[in-house]
Amino acid sequence: MLTDLLTKEKINFTNRELTWQEAIELAAQPLLDKHEIEERYIKAIIDKVEAFGPYIDLGLGIALPHARPEEGVKKLGMSFLRCEHPVKLMNDDKHEIKLFIVLAAIDNETHLRALSTLTKILSNKERLGQLLAATNATEVEQILLEEEGEK
């Protein structure tokens, strides 16, 4: 399921130095390009972080930007952005992010299976290290395939 959502065209890398807002916009762009979200979904994510703080920070340099389905999600989707230069969420040194995984859920249940696999990967130090060290989409796809194959 995760490999169905995170396809090559939704896996990106950047060596640009970005603000946290730019990083969220860049991370979400593939979902916008695939018409899985509307522009307002990206704005909703940024607005929520500004209002509620760095709730998308999962720790270990990973962020899971998301908002409510009714705020512009058209289809279940996920995208991946690895940043060469850490992005300071809320401009706070305590919230340095290198990996943004944007989640667009159409309801509160559909995405749970993909999220379950993703959580398994992110909680495995070796797999997480592989994701953070990946330099291209093929490497990321391989990590996801290996994890799904182990279920």
Protein backbone atom coordinates (compact mmCIF):
# COMPACT_ATOMS: atom_id res chain seq x y z
CA MET A 1 0.00 0.00 0.00
CA LEU A 2 2.78 2.44 0.89
CA THR A 3 4.56 1.79 -2.41
CA ASP A 4 1.28 2.50 -4.22
CA LEU A 5 1.17 5.93 -2.59
CA LEU A 6 4.87 6.87 -2.62
CA THR A 7 5.80 6.46 -6.27
CA LYS A 8 8.97 7.78 -7.93
CA GLU A 9 7.34 11.01 -9.08
CA LYS A 10 6.35 11.78 -5.48
CA ILE A 11 9.83 11.20 -4.01
CA ASN A 12 12.07 14.25 -4.16
CA PHE A 13 15.38 15.55 -2.85
CA THR A 14 16.70 19.07 -2.50
CA ASN A 15 20.01 20.63 -1.63
CA ARG A 16 18.48 24.12 -1.42
CA GLU A 17 18.29 25.89 1.92
CA LEU A 18 14.58 26.31 2.60
CA THR A 19 12.31 27.96 5.11
CA TRP A 20 9.92 25.53 6.76
CA GLN A 21 7.04 26.97 4.71
CA GLU A 22 8.99 26.48 1.46
CA ALA A 23 9.86 22.93 2.50
CA ILE A 24 6.18 22.08 3.09
CA GLU A 25 5.22 23.64 -0.24
CA LEU A 26 7.96 21.74 -2.08
CA ALA A 27 7.15 18.48 -0.29
CA ALA A 28 3.45 18.79 -1.17
CA GLN A 29 3.99 19.86 -4.80
CA PRO A 30 3.83 16.30 -6.24
CA LEU A 31 0.39 15.83 -4.65
CA LEU A 32 -0.75 19.09 -6.20
CA ASP A 33 0.69 18.06 -9.58
CA LYS A 34 -1.20 14.74 -9.40
CA HIS A 35 -4.45 16.54 -8.44
CA GLU A 36 -4.60 14.66 -5.14
CA ILE A 37 -4.81 17.91 -3.17
CA GLU A 38 -5.83 21.49 -3.80
CA GLU A 39 -3.57 24.49 -3.19
CA ARG A 40 -5.60 25.32 -0.08
CA TYR A 41 -4.46 22.07 1.58
CA ILE A 42 -0.86 23.33 1.61
CA LYS A 43 -2.01 26.63 3.08
CA ALA A 44 -4.03 24.75 5.72
CA ILE A 45 -0.94 22.79 6.80
CA ILE A 46 1.16 25.96 7.11
CA ASP A 47 -1.66 27.80 8.92
CA LYS A 48 -2.05 24.91 11.40
CA VAL A 49 1.68 24.83 12.17
CA GLU A 50 1.60 28.60 12.74
CA ALA A 51 -1.45 28.24 15.00
CA PHE A 52 -0.58 25.06 16.92
CA GLY A 53 3.21 24.86 16.73
CA PRO A 54 5.40 22.09 15.38
CA TYR A 55 2.86 19.26 15.81
CA ILE A 56 4.09 17.71 12.54
CA ASP A 57 7.55 17.05 14.02
CA LEU A 58 7.78 13.33 14.76
CA GLY A 59 11.32 13.63 16.12
CA LEU A 60 14.55 12.23 14.65
CA GLY A 61 14.45 14.85 11.88
CA ILE A 62 11.11 13.70 10.42
CA ALA A 63 7.97 15.74 9.84
CA LEU A 64 4.54 14.51 8.76
CA PRO A 65 2.77 17.59 7.36
CA HIS A 66 -0.99 17.07 7.15
CA ALA A 67 -4.30 18.83 7.68
CA ARG A 68 -7.96 17.80 7.73
CA PRO A 69 -9.37 15.98 4.67
CA GLU A 70 -12.00 18.67 4.10
CA GLU A 71 -9.26 21.30 3.76
CA GLY A 72 -8.46 20.36 0.17
CA VAL A 73 -7.80 16.62 -0.15
CA LYS A 74 -9.20 15.14 -3.36
CA LYS A 75 -7.58 11.69 -3.22
CA LEU A 76 -5.48 9.65 -0.79
CA GLY A 77 -1.85 10.59 -1.34
CA MET A 78 1.61 10.76 0.15
CA SER A 79 4.81 12.51 -0.92
CA PHE A 80 8.41 12.48 0.29
CA LEU A 81 11.05 15.22 0.41
CA ARG A 82 14.53 14.74 1.83
CA CYS A 83 16.41 17.96 2.51
CA GLU A 84 20.21 18.06 2.41
CA HIS A 85 20.17 21.08 4.73
CA PRO A 86 18.03 20.69 7.86
CA VAL A 87 14.94 22.89 7.90
CA LYS A 88 14.11 24.58 11.20
CA LEU A 89 10.42 24.08 11.80
CA MET A 90 8.98 27.26 13.32
CA ASN A 91 12.55 28.63 13.00
CA ASP A 92 13.40 26.65 16.13
CA ASP A 93 16.74 24.83 16.48
CA LYS A 94 14.94 22.12 18.49
CA HIS A 95 12.87 21.18 15.43
CA GLU A 96 15.37 20.49 12.66
CA ILE A 97 13.76 18.45 9.88
CA LYS A 98 15.49 16.57 7.07
CA LEU A 99 12.61 14.41 5.93
CA PHE A 100 9.11 15.68 5.10
CA ILE A 101 6.43 13.10 4.35
CA VAL A 102 3.20 14.84 3.39
CA LEU A 103 0.02 12.89 4.04
CA ALA A 104 -3.25 13.66 2.27
CA ALA A 105 -6.01 11.53 3.76
CA ILE A 106 -9.56 11.46 2.40
CA ASP A 107 -10.95 10.30 5.74
CA ASN A 108 -9.76 9.14 9.14
CA GLU A 109 -9.36 5.46 8.18
CA THR A 110 -8.20 4.96 4.59
CA HIS A 111 -4.63 6.05 5.24
CA LEU A 112 -4.09 3.94 8.36
CA ARG A 113 -2.55 0.94 6.57
CA ALA A 114 0.01 3.08 4.75
CA LEU A 115 0.68 5.01 7.94
CA SER A 116 1.17 1.73 9.81
CA THR A 117 3.88 0.62 7.35
CA LEU A 118 5.46 4.07 7.42
CA THR A 119 5.52 4.05 11.24
CA LYS A 120 7.19 0.64 11.18
CA ILE A 121 9.91 1.97 8.84
CA LEU A 122 10.45 5.19 10.81
CA SER A 123 10.71 3.35 14.13
CA ASN A 124 13.36 0.99 12.74
CA LYS A 125 16.70 2.79 13.20
CA GLU A 126 18.36 0.94 10.32
CA ARG A 127 15.52 1.64 7.86
CA LEU A 128 15.28 5.25 9.01
CA GLY A 129 19.02 5.63 8.51
CA GLN A 130 18.63 4.23 5.00
CA LEU A 131 15.86 6.73 4.21
CA LEU A 132 17.88 9.64 5.55
CA ALA A 133 20.91 8.51 3.54
CA ALA A 134 19.02 7.82 0.30
CA THR A 135 20.09 9.98 -2.62
CA ASN A 136 17.47 9.07 -5.22
CA ALA A 137 13.89 7.87 -5.61
CA THR A 138 14.92 4.34 -6.61
CA GLU A 139 16.70 3.86 -3.26
CA VAL A 140 13.63 5.06 -1.35
CA GLU A 141 11.34 2.79 -3.37
CA GLN A 142 13.62 -0.17 -2.64
CA ILE A 143 13.52 0.51 1.11
CA LEU A 144 9.72 0.69 1.01
CA LEU A 145 9.45 -2.50 -1.07
CA GLU A 146 11.74 -4.38 1.31
CA GLU A 147 9.68 -3.27 4.29
CA GLU A 148 6.38 -4.23 2.64
CA GLY A 149 7.89 -7.60 1.69
CA GLU A 150 8.71 -8.33 5.32
CA LYS A 151 5.11 -8.11 6.51
